[in-house]
Amino acid sequence: MKVGIPKEIKNNESRVGMTPAGVHELVAHGHEVFVQHTAGENSGFADAAYEKAGATIVPTIEDTYAVADMIIKVKEPIEPEYPLVKPGQLVFTYFHFACDRPLTEAMIKSRGVCLAYETVQLPNRSLPLLIPMSEVAGRMATINGAYYLQKTKGGKGKLICGVPGVKPAKVLVLGGGTVGQAAARVAAGMGANVVIADISLPLLKQLSAEMPANVSTLYSSRYNIEHELPDVDIVVGSVLIPGDKAPHLITRSMLKLMQPGTVLVDVAIDQGGCFETSRPTTHSEPVYEVDGIVHYAVANIPGAVPNTSTIALTNATLRYALALADKGWRKACKDDPALYQGLNIVDGKVTFKAVADVFGLPYEPVEL
């Protein structure tokens, strides 16, 4: 199979779809890999490293899409890429369709095969291709929240860890999944008082047993969340419904319960955001204020640490990329139910129910 790895063109997205080590494995399996010139440069991987691994360097993004049977990338195609996707071409990436109707319509029109990292799901309901970036995003959520808590950045002027004689900051984490656990552990490690909320009692029991002593658990309800907001300093939103839009756990009216300078970090923004007042931001303009509350809603948080993120992502995606290249997408998805769950749009049809429901489109599961 001919595999293309284009350079990411989303705002300040420095990751790349695969490391040279991953390319080496694809080539060893007999596949041809075409990497766009400087695609890995911002992640610390030079063209020469890809050539040494057996890839062919191509000059433009148009050349990369034109030559490839399968495109492997990090973020969803953006508008300039829409016309580059060919009928029958497999695009293997994060899509997050449920919060992006123009993208959904464009990929339907392309008649390509859209296999989304974020909906590949194992029988235990874990998301193996979302986990590595969720771990990065959760850690970064706390780090960024602490940064914007500075008065010079619009925050309250609090040091997250405090000092002897001065209380540390209070961090509320909404959602006890991979992102929430990573955010809570980093916040606890920095010395904050942390509350992690979720609706799963078994998960809360597990977290109570495993988390550091400065982390407490809370059943997630509107009443309980509102009770925490008056003295909270950072809120990390990390709820996820695979493939669907995130619910709004913090409404506009709830902002008045918080003190000015409170920082909201919405890691769920890729799926529409879990704060009603969230809108996607970029690394170049990451924050804005609503009613005195600082909102951080960068849609590609791991892109700020591309070397770590690209290696972690390739570690997770490579086995699936090899299966897709070795067998073709139909047989690979037939053999692996987890990979089948990743099919979102195929040949102009929406094949993932949550995406179809969000936009009121026909749902047509793939028959293999």
Protein backbone atom coordinates (compact mmCIF):
# COMPACT_ATOMS: atom_id res chain seq x y z
CA MET A 1 0.00 0.00 0.00
CA LYS A 2 1.10 3.59 -0.61
CA VAL A 3 0.96 5.55 2.63
CA GLY A 4 1.09 9.35 2.74
CA ILE A 5 2.13 11.47 5.72
CA PRO A 6 1.31 15.15 5.08
CA LYS A 7 2.51 18.16 7.03
CA GLU A 8 -0.14 19.43 9.45
CA ILE A 9 -1.49 22.86 8.50
CA LYS A 10 -3.83 23.57 11.41
CA ASN A 11 -2.87 26.64 13.45
CA ASN A 12 0.31 25.93 15.46
CA GLU A 13 -0.03 22.17 15.00
CA SER A 14 3.54 20.89 15.15
CA ARG A 15 2.89 17.17 15.49
CA VAL A 16 3.24 14.75 12.58
CA GLY A 17 1.29 11.57 11.86
CA MET A 18 4.19 9.16 12.26
CA THR A 19 7.77 9.01 13.50
CA PRO A 20 10.65 7.64 11.40
CA ALA A 21 10.49 4.51 13.58
CA GLY A 22 6.90 3.95 12.48
CA VAL A 23 7.81 4.53 8.84
CA HIS A 24 10.58 1.94 9.19
CA GLU A 25 8.01 -0.67 10.29
CA LEU A 26 5.66 0.11 7.39
CA VAL A 27 8.51 -0.18 4.90
CA ALA A 28 9.62 -3.45 6.50
CA HIS A 29 6.11 -4.77 5.80
CA GLY A 30 6.57 -3.98 2.10
CA HIS A 31 4.66 -0.70 1.90
CA GLU A 32 5.72 2.55 0.25
CA VAL A 33 5.68 5.63 2.47
CA PHE A 34 5.60 9.19 1.14
CA VAL A 35 6.37 11.98 3.61
CA GLN A 36 5.80 15.63 2.77
CA HIS A 37 8.90 17.80 2.90
CA THR A 38 9.53 19.11 6.47
CA ALA A 39 6.42 17.29 7.82
CA GLY A 40 8.28 16.12 10.91
CA GLU A 41 10.62 19.06 11.35
CA ASN A 42 8.66 20.75 14.17
CA SER A 43 8.47 17.47 16.05
CA GLY A 44 12.23 17.01 15.86
CA PHE A 45 12.30 14.58 12.93
CA ALA A 46 14.24 15.73 9.86
CA ASP A 47 13.53 14.61 6.30
CA ALA A 48 16.85 12.72 6.37
CA ALA A 49 15.58 10.55 9.24
CA TYR A 50 12.51 9.55 7.21
CA GLU A 51 14.63 8.85 4.13
CA LYS A 52 16.93 6.67 6.22
CA ALA A 53 13.83 4.78 7.41
CA GLY A 54 12.91 4.12 3.76
CA ALA A 55 10.41 6.89 2.98
CA THR A 56 10.25 9.00 -0.15
CA ILE A 57 10.12 12.75 0.47
CA VAL A 58 7.57 14.60 -1.69
CA PRO A 59 7.47 18.40 -2.05
CA THR A 60 3.87 19.40 -1.38
CA ILE A 61 0.73 18.41 0.47
CA GLU A 62 -1.05 17.99 -2.88
CA ASP A 63 1.59 15.46 -3.96
CA THR A 64 1.21 13.57 -0.68
CA TYR A 65 -2.55 13.15 -1.01
CA ALA A 66 -2.33 12.40 -4.74
CA VAL A 67 0.06 9.48 -4.39
CA ALA A 68 -1.39 7.81 -1.28
CA ASP A 69 -3.92 5.04 -0.78
CA MET A 70 -3.94 5.81 2.95
CA ILE A 71 -3.27 9.14 4.64
CA ILE A 72 -1.97 9.04 8.22
CA LYS A 73 -2.09 12.35 10.06
CA VAL A 74 -2.82 13.90 13.44
CA LYS A 75 -5.63 16.44 13.10
CA GLU A 76 -8.73 16.47 10.94
CA PRO A 77 -8.38 17.88 7.42
CA ILE A 78 -9.10 21.61 7.35
CA GLU A 79 -10.73 23.49 4.48
CA PRO A 80 -7.72 23.66 2.09
CA GLU A 81 -7.40 19.87 2.41
CA TYR A 82 -11.04 19.03 1.71
CA PRO A 83 -10.63 18.79 -2.09
CA LEU A 84 -7.46 16.71 -1.73
CA VAL A 85 -9.25 13.66 -0.28
CA LYS A 86 -9.99 11.22 -3.10
CA PRO A 87 -12.89 8.74 -3.46
CA GLY A 88 -11.93 5.50 -1.77
CA GLN A 89 -8.88 7.02 -0.05
CA LEU A 90 -8.47 5.98 3.58
CA VAL A 91 -7.82 8.87 5.99
CA PHE A 92 -6.67 7.71 9.42
CA THR A 93 -6.63 10.58 11.93
CA TYR A 94 -8.51 12.40 14.69
CA PHE A 95 -11.74 13.74 13.15
CA HIS A 96 -14.11 14.78 15.97
CA PHE A 97 -16.95 15.07 13.45
CA ALA A 98 -19.72 15.70 15.98
CA CYS A 99 -18.70 19.32 16.53
CA ASP A 100 -17.85 20.18 12.92
CA ARG A 101 -20.64 20.03 10.34
CA PRO A 102 -18.60 21.58 7.46
CA LEU A 103 -15.94 18.89 7.90
CA THR A 104 -18.59 16.19 8.04
CA GLU A 105 -20.24 17.42 4.86
CA ALA A 106 -16.90 17.78 3.10
CA MET A 107 -15.85 14.23 3.92
CA ILE A 108 -19.25 12.90 2.81
CA LYS A 109 -18.75 14.74 -0.48
CA SER A 110 -15.21 13.37 -0.86
CA ARG A 111 -16.46 9.75 -0.80
CA GLY A 112 -13.34 8.87 1.14
CA VAL A 113 -13.02 6.40 4.02
CA CYS A 114 -12.73 8.28 7.31
CA LEU A 115 -11.40 6.16 10.15
CA ALA A 116 -11.27 8.22 13.35
CA TYR A 117 -8.69 7.59 16.05
CA GLU A 118 -11.05 8.82 18.75
CA THR A 119 -13.76 6.19 18.17
CA VAL A 120 -11.56 3.09 17.89
CA GLN A 121 -12.86 1.28 20.97
CA LEU A 122 -11.83 -1.93 22.70
CA PRO A 123 -14.40 -4.35 24.23
CA ASN A 124 -13.74 -2.83 27.67
CA ARG A 125 -14.81 0.54 26.19
CA SER A 126 -11.31 2.02 26.44
CA LEU A 127 -10.10 4.21 23.56
CA PRO A 128 -6.55 3.11 22.73
CA LEU A 129 -5.81 5.84 20.20
CA LEU A 130 -7.24 8.64 22.32
CA ILE A 131 -5.47 7.62 25.54
CA PRO A 132 -1.92 8.80 24.70
CA MET A 133 -3.05 12.28 23.66
CA SER A 134 -5.50 12.41 26.57
CA GLU A 135 -2.60 11.73 28.93
CA VAL A 136 -0.65 14.60 27.39
CA ALA A 137 -3.67 16.93 27.32
CA GLY A 138 -4.55 16.20 30.95
CA ARG A 139 -1.06 16.98 32.16
CA MET A 140 -0.90 20.11 30.01
CA ALA A 141 -4.35 21.23 31.21
CA THR A 142 -3.08 21.62 34.76
CA ILE A 143 0.20 23.20 33.68
CA ASN A 144 -1.62 25.74 31.50
CA GLY A 145 -4.26 26.38 34.16
CA ALA A 146 -1.53 27.16 36.69
CA TYR A 147 0.15 29.51 34.19
CA TYR A 148 -3.02 31.50 33.49
CA LEU A 149 -3.78 31.73 37.19
CA GLN A 150 -1.05 34.40 37.29
CA LYS A 151 -2.39 37.94 37.67
CA THR A 152 -0.38 39.08 34.64
CA LYS A 153 -2.27 36.51 32.56
CA GLY A 154 -5.75 37.48 33.80
CA GLY A 155 -5.96 35.07 36.73
CA LYS A 156 -6.37 35.55 40.46
CA GLY A 157 -2.66 35.89 41.10
CA LYS A 158 -2.38 32.60 42.96
CA LEU A 159 0.52 30.15 43.01
CA ILE A 160 -1.01 26.71 42.48
CA CYS A 161 1.12 25.09 45.19
CA GLY A 162 0.99 27.95 47.68
CA VAL A 163 3.87 28.46 50.14
CA PRO A 164 4.26 27.74 53.85
CA GLY A 165 1.55 29.68 55.62
CA VAL A 166 -0.47 30.26 52.42
CA LYS A 167 -3.06 27.79 51.15
CA PRO A 168 -2.54 26.21 47.72
CA ALA A 169 -5.01 26.64 44.89
CA LYS A 170 -8.14 24.52 44.58
CA VAL A 171 -8.54 22.57 41.33
CA LEU A 172 -11.85 21.00 40.26
CA VAL A 173 -11.57 18.26 37.62
CA LEU A 174 -14.80 17.30 35.83
CA GLY A 175 -14.51 13.75 34.53
CA GLY A 176 -12.46 10.91 35.97
CA GLY A 177 -11.25 9.36 32.72
CA THR A 178 -7.73 9.44 31.29
CA VAL A 179 -7.63 13.24 30.92
CA GLY A 180 -9.12 13.88 34.35
CA GLN A 181 -6.82 11.45 36.12
CA ALA A 182 -3.75 12.93 34.43
CA ALA A 183 -4.85 16.48 35.29
CA ALA A 184 -5.60 15.53 38.90
CA ARG A 185 -2.27 13.76 39.43
CA VAL A 186 -0.27 16.68 38.08
CA ALA A 187 -2.30 19.17 40.13
CA ALA A 188 -1.81 17.05 43.24
CA GLY A 189 1.89 16.71 42.49
CA MET A 190 2.14 20.50 42.24
CA GLY A 191 0.60 20.75 45.70
CA ALA A 192 -2.95 21.88 44.88
CA ASN A 193 -6.08 20.76 46.70
CA VAL A 194 -7.92 18.71 44.07
CA VAL A 195 -11.53 17.59 43.69
CA ILE A 196 -12.27 15.11 40.90
CA ALA A 197 -15.93 14.59 39.94
CA ASP A 198 -17.56 11.80 37.96
CA ILE A 199 -20.91 10.01 37.71
CA SER A 200 -19.42 6.50 38.00
CA LEU A 201 -19.44 5.31 41.60
CA PRO A 202 -17.09 2.36 40.87
CA LEU A 203 -14.64 4.79 39.28
CA LEU A 204 -14.88 7.18 42.21
CA LYS A 205 -14.16 4.29 44.57
CA GLN A 206 -11.11 3.37 42.51
CA LEU A 207 -9.89 6.96 42.40
CA SER A 208 -10.36 7.35 46.15
CA ALA A 209 -8.09 4.37 46.69
CA GLU A 210 -5.43 5.29 44.12
CA MET A 211 -5.15 9.08 44.12
CA PRO A 212 -2.78 11.06 46.40
CA ALA A 213 -4.07 12.26 49.77
CA ASN A 214 -4.72 15.80 48.51
CA VAL A 215 -7.27 14.53 45.96
CA SER A 216 -10.88 14.02 47.03
CA THR A 217 -13.70 12.58 44.94
CA LEU A 218 -17.18 13.94 44.32
CA TYR A 219 -20.29 12.60 42.63
CA SER A 220 -20.92 14.83 39.62
CA SER A 221 -24.27 16.59 39.79
CA ARG A 222 -25.23 20.18 39.06
CA TYR A 223 -25.84 20.82 42.75
CA ASN A 224 -22.46 19.46 43.78
CA ILE A 225 -20.59 21.32 41.03
CA GLU A 226 -22.27 24.62 41.93
CA HIS A 227 -21.30 24.08 45.57
CA GLU A 228 -17.61 23.81 44.59
CA LEU A 229 -17.45 26.85 42.29
CA PRO A 230 -17.34 29.80 44.76
CA ASP A 231 -13.83 28.99 45.99
CA VAL A 232 -12.39 27.07 43.05
CA ASP A 233 -9.34 28.49 41.23
CA ILE A 234 -9.00 26.17 38.20
CA VAL A 235 -11.65 23.98 36.58
CA VAL A 236 -10.50 21.30 34.13
CA GLY A 237 -13.29 20.01 31.88
CA SER A 238 -12.52 16.49 30.69
CA VAL A 239 -15.83 14.76 30.01
CA LEU A 240 -16.13 12.55 26.93
CA ILE A 241 -18.90 10.70 25.14
CA PRO A 242 -17.06 8.81 22.36
CA GLY A 243 -17.89 10.32 18.98
CA ASP A 244 -20.63 12.55 20.38
CA LYS A 245 -20.83 16.16 21.57
CA ALA A 246 -19.75 16.84 25.12
CA PRO A 247 -22.43 17.91 27.63
CA HIS A 248 -22.28 21.42 29.13
CA LEU A 249 -21.43 20.93 32.80
CA ILE A 250 -20.70 24.62 33.44
CA THR A 251 -23.42 26.92 32.10
CA ARG A 252 -23.22 30.66 31.45
CA SER A 253 -25.29 31.37 34.56
CA MET A 254 -22.83 29.40 36.71
CA LEU A 255 -19.97 31.76 35.87
CA LYS A 256 -21.34 34.27 38.37
CA LEU A 257 -20.73 31.75 41.17
CA MET A 258 -16.97 31.94 40.54
CA GLN A 259 -14.55 34.66 41.55
CA PRO A 260 -13.04 36.83 38.80
CA GLY A 261 -9.79 35.37 37.54
CA THR A 262 -10.90 31.75 37.89
CA VAL A 263 -9.44 29.70 35.04
CA LEU A 264 -11.52 27.23 32.99
CA VAL A 265 -9.55 24.75 30.89
CA ASP A 266 -11.82 22.94 28.42
CA VAL A 267 -10.05 19.81 27.21
CA ALA A 268 -13.36 18.62 25.72
CA ILE A 269 -13.37 21.45 23.18
CA ASP A 270 -12.56 18.99 20.36
CA GLN A 271 -16.00 17.52 20.99
CA GLY A 272 -17.79 20.85 21.33
CA GLY A 273 -16.68 21.74 24.85
CA CYS A 274 -18.13 21.00 28.28
CA PHE A 275 -18.52 24.67 29.27
CA GLU A 276 -21.39 26.55 27.64
CA THR A 277 -19.21 29.63 27.12
CA SER A 278 -16.35 27.72 25.46
CA ARG A 279 -15.27 28.34 21.89
CA PRO A 280 -12.19 26.85 20.22
CA THR A 281 -8.98 28.84 20.57
CA THR A 282 -5.46 28.37 19.21
CA HIS A 283 -1.96 28.24 20.63
CA SER A 284 -1.35 31.72 19.22
CA GLU A 285 -4.43 33.13 21.01
CA PRO A 286 -5.25 30.57 23.69
CA VAL A 287 -7.44 32.47 26.15
CA TYR A 288 -10.34 34.89 26.39
CA GLU A 289 -12.57 36.16 29.20
CA VAL A 290 -16.30 35.86 29.78
CA ASP A 291 -17.72 37.68 32.81
CA GLY A 292 -14.24 37.93 34.29
CA ILE A 293 -13.59 34.18 33.97
CA VAL A 294 -10.53 33.11 31.97
CA HIS A 295 -11.27 30.45 29.33
CA TYR A 296 -8.51 28.27 27.85
CA ALA A 297 -9.96 26.18 25.02
CA VAL A 298 -7.14 25.22 22.65
CA ALA A 299 -8.35 22.44 20.41
CA ASN A 300 -4.97 20.76 19.99
CA ILE A 301 -3.31 21.05 23.40
CA PRO A 302 -0.75 18.23 22.78
CA GLY A 303 0.50 20.15 19.73
CA ALA A 304 2.48 22.38 22.12
CA VAL A 305 4.78 19.43 22.98
CA PRO A 306 5.03 17.78 19.55
CA ASN A 307 8.06 15.60 20.12
CA THR A 308 6.53 13.82 23.12
CA SER A 309 3.09 13.74 21.50
CA THR A 310 4.19 12.36 18.14
CA ILE A 311 6.18 9.53 19.70
CA ALA A 312 3.31 8.65 22.05
CA LEU A 313 0.77 8.74 19.23
CA THR A 314 2.83 6.57 16.89
CA ASN A 315 3.33 4.04 19.70
CA ALA A 316 -0.46 3.68 19.84
CA THR A 317 -1.45 3.94 16.17
CA LEU A 318 1.28 1.87 14.53
CA ARG A 319 -0.24 -1.57 15.10
CA TYR A 320 -3.53 -0.38 13.58
CA ALA A 321 -1.78 1.38 10.69
CA LEU A 322 0.10 -1.84 9.90
CA ALA A 323 -3.13 -3.86 9.94
CA LEU A 324 -4.84 -1.39 7.62
CA ALA A 325 -1.89 -1.35 5.22
CA ASP A 326 -1.32 -5.12 5.30
CA LYS A 327 -4.96 -6.18 4.92
CA GLY A 328 -6.79 -3.19 3.47
CA TRP A 329 -9.37 -1.35 5.57
CA ARG A 330 -12.27 -3.76 4.94
CA LYS A 331 -10.49 -6.92 6.11
CA ALA A 332 -8.68 -5.10 8.92
CA CYS A 333 -11.99 -3.79 10.28
CA LYS A 334 -13.66 -7.16 9.84
CA ASP A 335 -10.87 -8.86 11.79
CA ASP A 336 -10.76 -6.23 14.55
CA PRO A 337 -14.04 -4.97 16.05
CA ALA A 338 -12.18 -2.12 17.78
CA LEU A 339 -10.94 -0.82 14.43
CA TYR A 340 -14.42 -1.22 12.95
CA GLN A 341 -15.68 1.24 15.57
CA GLY A 342 -13.38 3.83 14.04
CA LEU A 343 -15.30 3.98 10.75
CA ASN A 344 -17.22 7.27 10.76
CA ILE A 345 -17.82 8.08 7.07
CA VAL A 346 -17.45 5.66 4.18
CA ASP A 347 -18.15 6.38 0.51
CA GLY A 348 -20.45 9.31 1.24
CA LYS A 349 -22.36 7.60 4.06
CA VAL A 350 -22.26 8.34 7.79
CA THR A 351 -21.39 5.05 9.46
CA PHE A 352 -21.09 6.19 13.10
CA LYS A 353 -24.44 6.64 14.80
CA ALA A 354 -23.55 9.49 17.16
CA VAL A 355 -22.36 11.63 14.24
CA ALA A 356 -25.50 10.87 12.23
CA ASP A 357 -27.72 11.73 15.20
CA VAL A 358 -25.99 15.06 15.92
CA PHE A 359 -26.60 16.34 12.40
CA GLY A 360 -29.87 14.54 11.63
CA LEU A 361 -28.24 12.51 8.84
CA PRO A 362 -29.02 8.94 7.78
CA TYR A 363 -27.03 6.32 9.66
CA GLU A 364 -25.76 3.50 7.47
CA PRO A 365 -23.45 1.03 9.23
CA VAL A 366 -20.77 -0.58 7.10
CA GLU A 367 -21.49 -4.13 6.02
CA LEU A 368 -18.28 -6.16 5.89
